[in-house]
Protein backbone atom coordinates (compact mmCIF):
# COMPACT_ATOMS: atom_id res chain seq x y z
CA MET A 1 -0.11 0.19 0.45
CA ALA A 2 2.82 2.63 0.33
CA ASN A 3 4.32 1.59 -2.58
CA SER A 4 1.58 2.08 -4.63
CA PHE A 5 0.41 5.43 -2.75
CA GLY A 6 4.26 6.40 -3.35
CA SER A 7 2.92 5.84 -7.16
CA PHE A 8 -0.35 8.28 -6.52
CA TYR A 9 2.53 10.93 -4.99
CA VAL A 10 4.93 10.70 -8.32
CA GLY A 11 1.43 10.53 -10.83
CA ASN A 12 0.41 13.70 -9.21
CA SER A 13 3.84 15.68 -9.31
CA GLY A 14 3.55 14.97 -12.77
CA LEU A 15 0.50 15.84 -12.96
CA SER A 16 0.56 19.14 -11.43
CA SER A 17 4.11 20.20 -12.90
CA SER A 18 2.67 19.95 -16.25
CA GLN A 19 -0.24 21.84 -15.10
CA ASN A 20 2.15 24.72 -14.04
CA ALA A 21 4.37 24.48 -16.93
CA LEU A 22 1.12 25.11 -19.17
CA ASN A 23 0.51 27.99 -17.11
CA VAL A 24 3.96 29.38 -17.80
CA THR A 25 3.71 29.08 -21.48
CA ALA A 26 0.24 30.18 -22.14
CA ASN A 27 1.51 33.11 -20.37
CA ASN A 28 4.41 33.71 -22.39
CA LEU A 29 2.44 33.08 -25.38
CA ALA A 30 0.14 35.78 -24.30
CA ASN A 31 2.77 38.69 -23.94
CA VAL A 32 4.90 37.84 -27.47
CA ASP A 33 4.38 41.01 -28.52
CA THR A 34 4.36 43.08 -25.18
CA LYS A 35 7.13 45.46 -25.03
CA GLY A 36 9.79 44.53 -22.38
CA TYR A 37 8.34 41.17 -21.26
CA VAL A 38 11.62 38.80 -20.50
CA ARG A 39 10.26 35.22 -21.07
CA GLN A 40 10.30 32.71 -18.01
CA GLN A 41 11.06 29.02 -18.15
CA VAL A 42 10.36 26.43 -16.09
CA VAL A 43 13.41 24.40 -14.72
CA PHE A 44 11.96 21.07 -13.46
CA SER A 45 13.55 19.20 -10.24
CA ASP A 46 13.08 16.09 -8.13
CA ARG A 47 11.13 16.30 -5.26
CA HIS A 48 12.49 14.52 -1.80
CA TYR A 49 12.78 10.66 -1.41
CA ASN A 50 12.19 8.26 0.85
CA GLU A 51 15.58 6.36 1.68
CA PHE A 52 15.66 2.49 3.15
CA LYS A 53 18.84 2.23 3.89
CA SER A 54 21.20 4.82 4.73
CA GLU A 55 25.22 4.99 4.24
CA ALA A 56 25.10 4.75 8.12
CA ILE A 57 24.80 0.88 8.43
CA GLY A 58 28.12 0.42 5.59
CA VAL A 59 25.47 -0.74 2.63
CA ASN A 60 24.91 1.75 -0.33
CA VAL A 61 21.73 4.08 -0.32
CA GLN A 62 18.05 2.52 -1.36
CA GLN A 63 15.80 5.45 -2.31
CA ALA A 64 12.50 5.89 -3.76
CA GLY A 65 11.44 9.03 -5.70
CA LEU A 66 8.55 10.66 -5.23
CA GLY A 67 8.43 12.35 -8.87
CA VAL A 68 9.02 15.84 -10.35
CA SER A 69 8.36 19.49 -9.10
CA ILE A 70 9.41 22.91 -10.84
CA GLY A 71 12.44 23.83 -9.09
CA ASP A 72 12.45 27.83 -10.69
CA VAL A 73 11.08 29.62 -12.75
CA VAL A 74 13.80 31.76 -15.12
CA HIS A 75 13.55 35.10 -15.55
CA ALA A 76 15.71 34.83 -17.76
CA ARG A 77 18.33 38.20 -18.66
CA ASP A 78 21.77 38.45 -19.61
CA ILE A 79 23.47 41.05 -17.21
CA PHE A 80 26.13 41.77 -19.60
CA LEU A 81 24.13 42.28 -22.75
CA ASP A 82 22.26 44.74 -20.67
CA LYS A 83 24.82 46.89 -19.62
CA ALA A 84 26.77 46.68 -22.77
CA TYR A 85 23.10 47.72 -24.31
CA ARG A 86 22.33 50.60 -21.80
CA GLN A 87 25.83 52.16 -22.42
CA GLU A 88 25.23 52.04 -26.41
CA THR A 89 21.95 54.05 -25.90
CA GLY A 90 22.94 56.33 -23.41
CA ARG A 91 25.98 56.85 -26.03
CA GLN A 92 23.74 57.05 -29.14
CA ALA A 93 21.06 59.41 -27.39
CA PHE A 94 24.17 62.14 -27.14
CA TYR A 95 25.22 61.89 -30.56
CA GLN A 96 21.18 62.06 -31.38
CA VAL A 97 20.45 65.35 -29.17
CA SER A 98 23.79 66.85 -30.66
CA TYR A 99 22.85 66.02 -34.44
CA ASP A 100 19.36 67.16 -33.89
CA THR A 101 20.75 70.40 -32.60
CA CYS A 102 23.05 71.23 -35.59
CA THR A 103 20.36 70.51 -37.88
CA GLN A 104 17.81 73.17 -36.10
CA VAL A 105 20.64 75.65 -35.97
CA GLU A 106 21.74 74.96 -39.92
CA ASP A 107 17.57 75.48 -40.40
CA LEU A 108 17.20 78.88 -38.71
CA PHE A 109 20.44 80.41 -40.92
CA GLN A 110 19.11 78.88 -44.12
CA GLU A 111 15.19 80.10 -43.60
CA LEU A 112 14.79 83.44 -41.56
CA ASP A 113 11.57 85.02 -42.91
CA GLY A 114 11.94 82.91 -46.44
CA GLU A 115 15.42 84.13 -46.64
CA GLU A 116 19.00 83.03 -45.45
CA PHE A 117 20.90 85.45 -43.21
CA LYS A 118 23.64 85.27 -46.49
CA GLN A 119 20.78 87.32 -48.25
CA SER A 120 20.95 90.46 -45.43
CA VAL A 121 25.16 90.29 -45.41
CA GLN A 122 24.92 90.27 -49.53
CA ASP A 123 22.31 92.89 -49.61
CA LEU A 124 24.46 95.19 -47.09
CA LEU A 125 27.21 94.88 -49.73
CA THR A 126 25.46 95.53 -52.36
CA ALA A 127 24.68 98.96 -50.63
CA PHE A 128 27.95 99.83 -49.85
CA GLN A 129 29.10 99.16 -53.29
CA GLU A 130 26.70 101.48 -54.69
CA LEU A 131 27.67 104.25 -52.51
CA ALA A 132 30.95 103.46 -53.44
CA LYS A 133 30.38 104.84 -57.21
CA ALA A 134 28.86 107.98 -55.80
CA PRO A 135 29.54 108.60 -52.58
CA GLY A 136 27.50 111.80 -52.94
CA ASP A 137 24.01 110.58 -54.42
CA SER A 138 21.68 110.69 -51.43
CA VAL A 139 19.98 107.60 -52.78
CA ASN A 140 22.47 105.45 -52.56
CA GLN A 141 22.97 107.17 -48.83
CA ASN A 142 19.63 106.08 -47.93
CA LEU A 143 20.25 103.08 -49.82
CA VAL A 144 23.19 102.47 -47.25
CA ILE A 145 21.21 103.55 -44.05
CA GLN A 146 18.46 100.94 -45.07
CA LYS A 147 20.19 98.22 -45.56
CA SER A 148 22.06 98.57 -42.42
CA GLU A 149 18.83 99.01 -40.33
CA LEU A 150 17.47 95.33 -42.38
CA PHE A 151 21.09 93.64 -41.29
CA LEU A 152 20.95 94.94 -37.64
CA GLU A 153 17.21 93.74 -37.54
CA ARG A 154 17.79 90.12 -39.35
CA THR A 155 20.62 89.76 -37.03
CA LYS A 156 18.81 90.35 -33.90
CA VAL A 157 15.93 88.49 -35.34
CA LEU A 158 18.70 85.23 -36.04
CA TYR A 159 20.09 85.91 -32.57
CA SER A 160 16.99 85.87 -30.73
CA ASP A 161 15.82 82.51 -32.54
CA LEU A 162 19.20 80.76 -31.40
CA GLN A 163 18.64 82.14 -27.60
CA SER A 164 15.17 80.62 -28.02
CA TYR A 165 16.37 77.57 -29.08
CA GLN A 166 18.83 76.99 -26.13
CA SER A 167 15.68 78.13 -23.63
CA ASN A 168 13.53 75.19 -25.68
CA LEU A 169 16.78 72.75 -24.91
CA ASN A 170 16.80 74.26 -21.15
CA GLU A 171 13.43 72.97 -20.70
CA GLN A 172 14.16 69.45 -22.07
CA ILE A 173 16.49 69.54 -19.23
CA GLU A 174 14.13 70.33 -16.88
CA ASP A 175 12.13 67.37 -18.17
CA GLY A 176 14.71 64.93 -18.28
CA ILE A 177 15.64 65.91 -14.85
CA ASN A 178 11.72 64.87 -13.64
CA ARG A 179 11.92 61.60 -15.57
CA VAL A 180 15.20 60.71 -14.24
CA ASN A 181 13.69 61.43 -10.55
CA GLU A 182 10.45 59.86 -11.13
CA ILE A 183 12.15 56.65 -12.64
CA GLY A 184 14.08 56.21 -9.48
CA LYS A 185 11.22 56.62 -7.21
CA ARG A 186 9.47 54.01 -9.10
CA ILE A 187 12.53 51.73 -9.14
CA TYR A 188 12.56 51.62 -5.19
CA GLU A 189 8.91 51.13 -5.13
CA LEU A 190 9.56 47.99 -7.40
CA ASN A 191 12.81 47.06 -5.48
CA LEU A 192 10.75 46.64 -1.91
CA TYR A 193 7.86 44.86 -4.34
CA VAL A 194 10.34 42.72 -5.42
CA GLN A 195 11.69 41.98 -2.12
CA LYS A 196 8.15 41.57 -0.61
CA VAL A 197 7.19 38.88 -2.95
CA GLU A 198 10.56 37.00 -3.09
CA ALA A 199 10.76 36.93 0.74
CA ALA A 200 9.55 33.66 0.82
CA GLY A 201 11.65 31.74 -1.37
CA VAL A 202 8.84 30.42 -3.34
CA GLU A 203 7.67 32.98 -6.02
CA THR A 204 9.05 35.32 -8.45
CA ALA A 205 8.20 38.91 -8.98
CA MET A 206 8.26 38.15 -12.71
CA THR A 207 5.83 41.97 -13.53
CA GLY A 208 7.82 43.73 -11.03
CA ARG A 209 11.27 42.76 -12.17
CA ASP A 210 10.38 43.28 -15.83
CA GLU A 211 8.55 47.03 -15.42
CA ARG A 212 11.84 47.80 -13.30
CA ASP A 213 14.30 46.42 -15.85
CA ALA A 214 12.36 48.63 -18.46
CA LEU A 215 13.02 51.60 -16.35
CA LEU A 216 16.78 50.68 -16.32
CA ASP A 217 16.73 51.01 -20.00
CA GLU A 218 15.49 53.97 -19.89
CA LEU A 219 17.28 55.57 -17.52
CA ALA A 220 20.44 54.77 -19.40
CA LEU A 221 19.47 57.23 -21.71
CA TYR A 222 19.41 60.06 -19.30
CA GLY A 223 23.39 58.91 -18.42
CA THR A 224 25.48 56.83 -17.08
CA VAL A 225 24.28 54.13 -14.91
CA THR A 226 25.66 50.90 -13.18
CA THR A 227 23.75 48.65 -11.19
CA ARG A 228 23.90 46.14 -8.68
CA GLU A 229 21.61 43.46 -7.02
CA ASP A 230 21.39 41.81 -3.84
CA ALA A 231 20.86 38.31 -2.30
CA THR A 232 16.93 39.71 -1.87
CA GLY A 233 16.25 41.23 -5.08
CA PHE A 234 16.73 44.83 -4.39
CA VAL A 235 18.63 46.59 -6.96
CA TYR A 236 21.06 49.65 -6.31
CA VAL A 237 21.41 52.01 -9.12
CA ASP A 238 24.25 54.44 -9.52
CA PHE A 239 23.95 57.36 -11.98
CA GLN A 240 26.59 59.48 -13.00
CA GLU A 241 28.74 57.55 -10.41
CA VAL A 242 26.54 58.53 -7.83
CA GLY A 243 24.34 56.89 -5.49
CA PHE A 244 21.02 57.48 -6.89
CA VAL A 245 18.78 54.04 -5.69
CA GLN A 246 19.60 53.05 -2.16
CA GLU A 247 18.37 51.25 0.34
CA TYR A 248 16.52 54.45 1.94
CA GLY A 249 14.95 55.34 -0.46
CA CYS A 250 16.06 57.79 -4.10
CA ASN A 251 18.47 60.40 -3.77
CA GLU A 252 16.50 63.20 -5.72
CA ILE A 253 18.52 65.41 -8.66
CA GLY A 254 17.51 69.25 -7.53
CA LEU A 255 18.04 71.69 -9.83
CA LYS A 256 19.50 75.60 -9.66
CA SER A 257 18.58 78.13 -12.11
CA GLU A 258 21.49 80.53 -12.95
CA LEU A 259 20.90 84.18 -12.64
CA GLY A 260 20.27 86.05 -15.70
CA THR A 261 20.04 83.10 -18.36
CA GLY A 262 17.66 80.94 -16.14
CA PHE A 263 19.57 78.20 -17.11
CA TYR A 264 19.04 74.95 -15.12
CA THR A 265 22.13 73.13 -13.77
CA PRO A 266 21.43 69.85 -12.19
CA TYR A 267 22.69 68.64 -8.59
CA TRP A 268 22.98 66.67 -5.79
CA PRO A 269 21.21 68.02 -2.92
CA HIS A 270 22.35 65.80 -0.50
CA LEU A 271 25.88 66.09 -1.40
CA SER A 272 25.46 69.86 -1.42
CA ASP A 273 26.14 72.56 1.01
CA LEU A 274 22.79 74.44 0.14
CA PRO A 275 23.33 76.96 3.13
CA HIS A 276 26.97 78.09 1.80
CA GLU A 277 25.31 78.09 -2.33
CA GLN A 278 27.99 75.18 -2.71
CA TYR A 279 26.35 72.97 -5.48
CA TYR A 280 27.60 69.26 -6.05
CA GLN A 281 27.09 68.95 -9.76
CA VAL A 282 25.62 65.84 -11.46
CA PHE A 283 27.58 66.32 -14.69
CA LYS A 284 31.32 66.79 -15.08
CA MET A 285 31.07 69.04 -18.17
CA GLY A 286 34.96 70.41 -17.73
CA THR A 287 36.38 67.23 -19.54
CA ALA A 288 36.76 66.72 -23.14
CA VAL A 289 33.89 64.79 -24.71
CA SER A 290 35.41 61.02 -25.20
CA ALA A 291 33.83 57.95 -26.42
CA GLU A 292 37.47 55.81 -24.38
CA ASP A 293 36.71 58.05 -21.06
CA ASN A 294 32.53 57.68 -21.83
CA THR A 295 32.00 61.41 -21.45
CA ASP A 296 29.68 60.93 -24.08
CA ILE A 297 27.08 59.31 -22.58
CA GLY A 298 22.98 60.77 -22.04
CA LYS A 299 20.98 62.98 -23.87
CA ILE A 300 20.73 65.15 -20.45
CA LYS A 301 24.63 65.70 -20.56
CA ALA A 302 24.41 66.51 -24.57
CA LEU A 303 21.35 69.14 -23.90
CA LEU A 304 23.95 70.82 -21.30
CA TYR A 305 26.80 71.27 -23.69
CA GLN A 306 24.44 71.85 -27.00
CA ARG A 307 22.76 74.55 -24.45
CA GLY A 308 26.18 76.24 -23.43
CA ASP A 309 25.88 77.94 -19.89
CA ASN A 310 25.58 81.19 -21.40
CA TYR A 311 24.22 83.44 -24.51
CA GLY A 312 27.49 83.67 -26.64
CA ARG A 313 28.95 86.63 -27.27
CA TRP A 314 32.25 87.86 -30.23
CA ASP A 315 34.43 87.84 -27.28
CA ASP A 316 34.14 84.40 -26.78
CA ILE A 317 36.24 83.76 -29.58
CA ALA A 318 38.52 86.46 -29.41
CA THR A 319 41.07 84.40 -27.78
CA SER A 320 41.99 80.44 -27.20
CA GLU A 321 41.62 80.33 -23.51
CA ALA A 322 38.17 82.00 -24.25
CA TYR A 323 36.75 79.26 -26.91
CA SER A 324 37.84 76.48 -25.49
CA LYS A 325 34.96 77.02 -22.77
CA ILE A 326 32.25 76.83 -25.45
CA GLN A 327 33.68 74.72 -28.31
CA ASN A 328 31.49 71.35 -27.24
CA SER A 329 28.19 74.18 -27.38
CA THR A 330 26.95 74.59 -30.96
CA LEU A 331 24.16 76.79 -29.71
CA MET A 332 27.25 78.99 -27.65
CA GLU A 333 29.67 78.85 -30.34
CA MET A 334 27.42 79.81 -33.34
CA GLU A 335 26.20 82.84 -31.34
CA ALA A 336 29.41 83.81 -30.94
CA GLN A 337 30.12 83.55 -34.63
CA VAL A 338 27.55 85.75 -35.44
CA ASP A 339 28.04 88.59 -33.19
CA MET A 340 31.55 88.41 -34.58
CA LEU A 341 30.56 88.72 -37.97
CA PHE A 342 28.23 91.43 -37.07
CA HIS A 343 30.60 93.23 -34.33
CA THR A 344 33.27 92.77 -37.10
CA VAL A 345 31.51 94.33 -40.41
CA ILE A 346 29.57 97.18 -37.99
CA THR A 347 33.12 98.33 -36.61
CA ASN A 348 34.87 98.34 -39.81
CA MET A 349 32.25 100.49 -41.12
CA ASN A 350 32.03 103.03 -38.07
CA ASN A 351 36.07 103.07 -38.63
CA LEU A 352 35.91 103.71 -42.22
CA PHE A 353 33.33 106.46 -41.41
CA CYS A 354 35.19 107.71 -37.88
CA PRO A 355 38.52 106.91 -38.63
CA ASN A 356 40.42 106.80 -34.94
CA THR A 357 44.13 107.43 -34.44
CA THR A 358 46.51 106.88 -31.62
CA THR A 359 48.34 109.94 -30.11
CA THR A 360 51.53 110.01 -29.77
CA GLU A 361 52.05 112.74 -26.88
CA PRO A 362 50.04 112.91 -23.36
CA ILE A 363 46.54 115.13 -23.83
CA VAL A 364 46.12 117.71 -21.70
CA TYR A 365 42.67 119.06 -21.26
CA ILE A 366 40.55 121.17 -18.88
CA ASN A 367 37.86 118.79 -16.63
CA ASP A 368 34.47 120.27 -16.27
CA ALA A 369 35.20 121.45 -12.42
CA GLY A 370 38.71 123.58 -14.39
CA ASP A 371 41.15 121.26 -13.38
CA ARG A 372 43.91 120.14 -15.59
CA VAL A 373 43.96 116.55 -16.70
CA ILE A 374 46.41 114.48 -18.53
CA LEU A 375 45.65 111.74 -20.72
CA PRO A 376 48.61 109.49 -21.26
CA ALA A 377 50.16 108.83 -24.77
CA GLY A 378 48.48 106.00 -26.91
CA THR A 379 45.13 107.00 -26.24
CA LYS A 380 42.60 106.49 -29.17
CA VAL A 381 41.06 109.98 -30.41
CA LEU A 382 39.32 110.72 -33.94
CA ASP A 383 41.89 111.33 -36.33
CA THR A 384 40.58 114.86 -37.40
CA GLU A 385 43.06 115.38 -40.44
CA ASN A 386 41.82 112.33 -42.27
CA CYS A 387 37.98 112.09 -41.46
CA ASN A 388 34.93 113.39 -43.53
CA VAL A 389 31.76 115.19 -42.40
CA GLY A 390 28.45 115.45 -43.10
CA ALA A 391 26.42 117.89 -45.43
CA ASN A 392 26.71 120.02 -42.14
CA GLY A 393 30.60 120.07 -42.18
CA LYS A 394 30.64 119.54 -38.00
CA LEU A 395 32.60 117.08 -36.00
CA PRO A 396 32.73 114.17 -35.10
CA PRO A 397 31.26 112.72 -38.00
CA GLN A 398 28.43 110.47 -37.53
CA GLU A 399 28.84 106.97 -37.37
CA ILE A 400 26.16 104.20 -38.91
CA PHE A 401 26.30 102.09 -35.99
CA LYS A 402 25.46 103.30 -32.19
CA ARG A 403 26.09 101.71 -29.34
CA ILE A 404 22.86 102.54 -27.37
CA ALA A 405 23.75 103.66 -24.09
CA THR A 406 27.57 104.74 -24.76
CA ASP A 407 28.49 107.69 -26.98
CA ARG A 408 31.48 107.06 -29.85
CA TYR A 409 33.44 110.10 -28.68
CA THR A 410 33.65 112.20 -25.88
CA GLU A 411 34.63 115.27 -26.43
CA LEU A 412 37.10 117.35 -24.28
CA LYS A 413 38.77 120.89 -24.46
CA GLY A 414 42.45 120.77 -25.02
CA ALA A 415 45.01 123.53 -23.35
CA ASP A 416 44.60 125.05 -26.41
CA GLY A 417 40.83 125.62 -26.33
CA LYS A 418 40.85 123.22 -29.51
CA SER A 419 38.50 120.30 -29.48
CA ILE A 420 39.73 116.54 -28.66
CA TYR A 421 37.44 113.90 -29.17
CA VAL A 422 38.36 110.94 -27.00
CA TYR A 423 37.17 107.38 -28.34
CA ASN A 424 35.33 105.61 -25.79
CA GLU A 425 36.77 101.83 -25.83
CA GLU A 426 34.77 98.88 -25.56
CA LYS A 427 35.23 97.17 -22.31
CA GLU A 428 35.53 93.42 -21.60
CA GLY A 429 32.36 91.97 -19.63
CA ASP A 430 30.40 95.21 -20.00
CA SER A 431 27.90 95.25 -22.89
CA ASN A 432 26.72 98.55 -22.64
CA THR A 433 30.11 99.66 -24.20
CA GLN A 434 30.50 97.05 -26.82
CA TYR A 435 29.31 96.93 -30.41
CA GLN A 436 27.40 93.46 -30.17
CA ILE A 437 23.86 92.68 -30.86
CA GLY A 438 21.52 93.92 -28.56
CA SER A 439 23.43 97.12 -27.34
CA ILE A 440 23.52 98.87 -31.09
CA GLU A 441 20.92 101.02 -32.86
CA ILE A 442 21.30 103.10 -36.36
CA ASN A 443 22.29 106.40 -35.81
CA LEU A 444 18.78 107.99 -35.30
CA ALA A 445 20.40 111.16 -37.04
CA LEU A 446 21.47 109.14 -40.19
CA LYS A 447 17.81 107.59 -40.59
CA GLN A 448 16.25 111.49 -40.07
CA GLN A 449 18.75 113.23 -42.38
CA GLU A 450 20.95 110.58 -44.67
CA SER A 451 22.83 113.57 -45.80
CA LEU A 452 24.26 113.70 -42.81
CA LEU A 453 26.64 110.24 -43.92
CA PRO A 454 30.65 110.90 -43.32
CA THR A 455 31.06 111.53 -47.61
CA ILE A 456 32.65 114.85 -47.56
CA THR A 457 36.39 116.27 -47.11
CA GLN A 458 36.63 118.68 -44.52
CA ASN A 459 37.27 121.05 -47.74
CA GLY A 460 33.86 120.61 -49.03
CA ALA A 461 34.58 118.31 -51.78
CA VAL A 462 32.92 114.48 -52.13
CA ASP A 463 35.39 112.01 -50.85
CA TYR A 464 35.42 109.73 -54.66
CA ASP A 465 38.49 107.99 -52.65
CA LEU A 466 36.39 106.52 -50.07
CA GLY A 467 34.61 103.94 -52.82
CA ALA A 468 38.20 102.10 -52.97
CA ARG A 469 38.56 101.96 -49.27
CA ILE A 470 34.86 100.82 -48.80
CA ILE A 471 35.61 97.94 -51.59
CA GLN A 472 39.43 97.27 -49.54
CA VAL A 473 37.36 96.60 -46.25
CA TRP A 474 34.71 94.60 -47.47
CA GLU A 475 37.81 92.36 -50.00
CA THR A 476 40.45 92.06 -46.38
CA GLN A 477 40.27 88.44 -45.88
CA GLY A 478 41.15 89.61 -41.75
CA MET A 479 38.35 87.43 -40.30
CA THR A 480 38.27 83.62 -38.75
CA ILE A 481 35.58 81.80 -37.03
CA ASN A 482 37.67 80.71 -34.43
CA PRO A 483 40.87 81.13 -32.95
CA ASN A 484 42.28 77.91 -34.30
CA ASP A 485 41.23 78.70 -37.95
CA ASN A 486 44.37 79.26 -39.97
CA SER A 487 42.69 80.78 -42.83
CA PRO A 488 41.45 84.26 -42.84
CA CYS A 489 38.41 85.13 -45.16
CA THR A 490 35.96 88.25 -46.08
CA PHE A 491 32.93 89.04 -44.73
CA GLU A 492 31.15 87.12 -46.96
CA GLU A 493 33.14 83.98 -47.23
CA TYR A 494 33.75 84.12 -43.00
CA TYR A 495 29.71 83.29 -43.57
CA ASP A 496 29.78 80.04 -45.61
CA LYS A 497 32.55 78.87 -43.41
CA MET A 498 30.90 79.24 -40.45
CA ILE A 499 27.90 77.50 -42.30
CA GLY A 500 30.21 74.79 -43.32
CA ASN A 501 32.36 74.33 -39.92
CA LEU A 502 28.37 73.72 -38.68
CA GLY A 503 27.43 71.05 -41.84
CA THR A 504 31.19 69.42 -41.03
CA LYS A 505 30.05 69.03 -36.99
CA GLY A 506 26.57 67.64 -37.67
CA ASN A 507 28.00 65.20 -40.31
CA VAL A 508 30.36 63.46 -37.60
CA PHE A 509 27.39 63.85 -35.24
CA TYR A 510 25.64 61.97 -37.58
CA SER A 511 27.85 59.43 -38.69
CA GLU A 512 28.23 58.57 -35.02
CA ASN A 513 24.83 58.49 -34.35
CA GLU A 514 24.09 56.07 -37.26
CA THR A 515 27.01 54.00 -35.88
CA LEU A 516 25.69 53.59 -32.22
CA ARG A 517 22.14 53.06 -33.69
CA ALA A 518 23.71 49.86 -35.36
CA SER A 519 25.47 49.01 -32.32
CA ALA A 520 22.63 49.05 -29.81
CA THR A 521 20.11 47.50 -32.36
CA SER A 522 22.47 44.73 -32.50
CA LEU A 523 22.96 44.39 -28.97
CA ASP A 524 19.04 44.87 -28.20
CA ASN A 525 18.99 41.85 -31.10
CA GLN A 526 21.32 39.56 -28.69
CA ARG A 527 19.08 40.56 -25.86
CA THR A 528 16.02 39.27 -27.31
CA GLN A 529 17.40 35.65 -28.23
CA VAL A 530 17.35 35.58 -24.47
CA THR A 531 14.78 37.79 -23.31
CA GLY A 532 11.94 37.24 -26.44
CA VAL A 533 9.27 34.84 -26.52
CA SER A 534 9.65 32.86 -29.91
CA SER A 535 5.97 31.42 -30.26
CA ASP A 536 6.91 28.45 -32.51
CA GLU A 537 9.35 27.19 -29.24
CA GLU A 538 6.42 28.28 -27.14
CA LEU A 539 4.06 26.01 -28.89
CA THR A 540 6.53 23.26 -28.86
CA LYS A 541 6.76 23.55 -25.50
CA MET A 542 3.32 23.32 -25.08
CA ILE A 543 2.59 20.42 -27.09
CA ARG A 544 5.65 18.84 -24.68
CA TYR A 545 3.98 19.60 -21.38
CA GLN A 546 0.52 18.57 -22.74
CA SER A 547 1.74 15.00 -23.49
CA ALA A 548 3.90 15.34 -20.38
CA TYR A 549 0.51 16.11 -18.57
CA ASN A 550 -1.39 13.26 -20.62
CA ALA A 551 0.53 10.91 -19.65
CA ALA A 552 0.74 11.13 -15.53
CA SER A 553 -3.33 11.16 -16.29
CA ARG A 554 -2.43 7.92 -17.94
CA TYR A 555 -0.21 7.16 -15.34
CA ILE A 556 -2.62 7.32 -12.42
CA ASN A 557 -5.30 5.83 -14.03
CA VAL A 558 -3.44 2.88 -14.31
CA ILE A 559 -2.00 3.14 -10.79
CA SER A 560 -5.43 3.32 -9.66
CA GLN A 561 -6.55 0.45 -11.59
CA MET A 562 -4.05 -1.58 -10.16
CA THR A 563 -4.83 -0.40 -6.40
CA GLU A 564 -8.77 -1.11 -6.91
CA LEU A 565 -7.55 -4.88 -8.31
CA ILE A 566 -5.22 -5.48 -4.96
CA VAL A 567 -7.87 -3.91 -2.33
CA THR A 568 -10.64 -5.85 -4.07
CA GLY A 569 -8.89 -9.01 -4.36
CA LEU A 570 -8.15 -9.09 -0.38
CA LYS A 571 -11.58 -9.53 0.10
């Protein structure tokens, strides 16, 4: 009887194990198209044995098995493929953002109110070429004023569009950080859920693990991610090499808004000294972008690089040291190059009509208080001997592009009673004194009376040599797009080189993006071979388990008949 009931146990284990295996297979088939679902695999094991003789009495062990059981339902993943895939997708997201930025900026230059920005530069050149033919013609003078104003307005619009796109990237950074925090908090919740379900060692929290793995895949798009799972199923997550999801919760990332620009800087509140305004930044931006050093991973870092930390100005590309701080930011670099083109054009034109010279001797003048003041030799002043005047014949001559908050000259009275016009220099860091976009306007006096344009010599004759000087300024190859550029160019060539440089950078980003996309796809295909559900394979398993179930059922019927025969035969 004991052996007969032991046979019943064996048959029952076959029925229950096959039924559970069928349930797992059916669940796999039901989720064959579910994104993020990881197939479940049944692992069978022996149930416990009954021993008839033990090794203690010096003979071979004799055992009788009690059937089969499901030892585990495996949540199939390859941690090495996961790590490689997440790194590649994070790197691909970095170059995707960089490429998209270049494309958007290129569109801004090529489509500005239906025309390329280059057209405004060409129109200004044409106006000055016409003025060169007949400097005293009021029509040509008026054309110069009109085209100068158009050039100024279109430059302002372009620069404003670039700033708006920076603001757009800034909002994307905010959205990205908010999503990272949401993912971190949800992963922590899922960690607790997995621990609770798997605490007894009986059940595996498949759904929770699937959701958690999908969130880790998404988190890897935003930055560098490393994970470690302990024996309880809790996953510790580091984001940008700092503990993010820990046993006590999620260390959320904060956003610091910079004064003036409103640009966000992500920081770790738990590592920062907020009372002393010392912020521990999430992303280290001072290092070079390098695949070897893994500094090119994550879309948020790319957004930070492309946005930059300020608005680009012409003096950002005036020196190698200044340029090194903005060269990773497409928007700051393009803003600085536009401002440099604008600055160079307008200062050259102003210097042409209002030429300066430097004094070889100290200047002595009497100030408003009646005191005697000395300016050192080398002071920049109006070249009164060689400058032209307008129709009114007055000095100083009128400049075309005027600083809103600073006059071009300060008039002083020399010790001999003659007027001295001291040039008000541009001061580094002071936008009010610089010829830059946003602080310039067209001289109102010239707009009201174009004949005040300085095209007349001080003896009253039209300066026909002015035309040659205008052409010389436009054709002089004196501009470079950055301090590393060794081939000077003209104003027009500068624009072409600027756009060409942007296109080259965009092509590099595109090439890297496509290469990494292919690599990530290949890794994802390899992961799918491990985690994905094959309907053909699952149907094969279903037939196998169904057959096993039927066999166990027939086995029990046979044992039942044998037992019934033995019991009835004892009567």
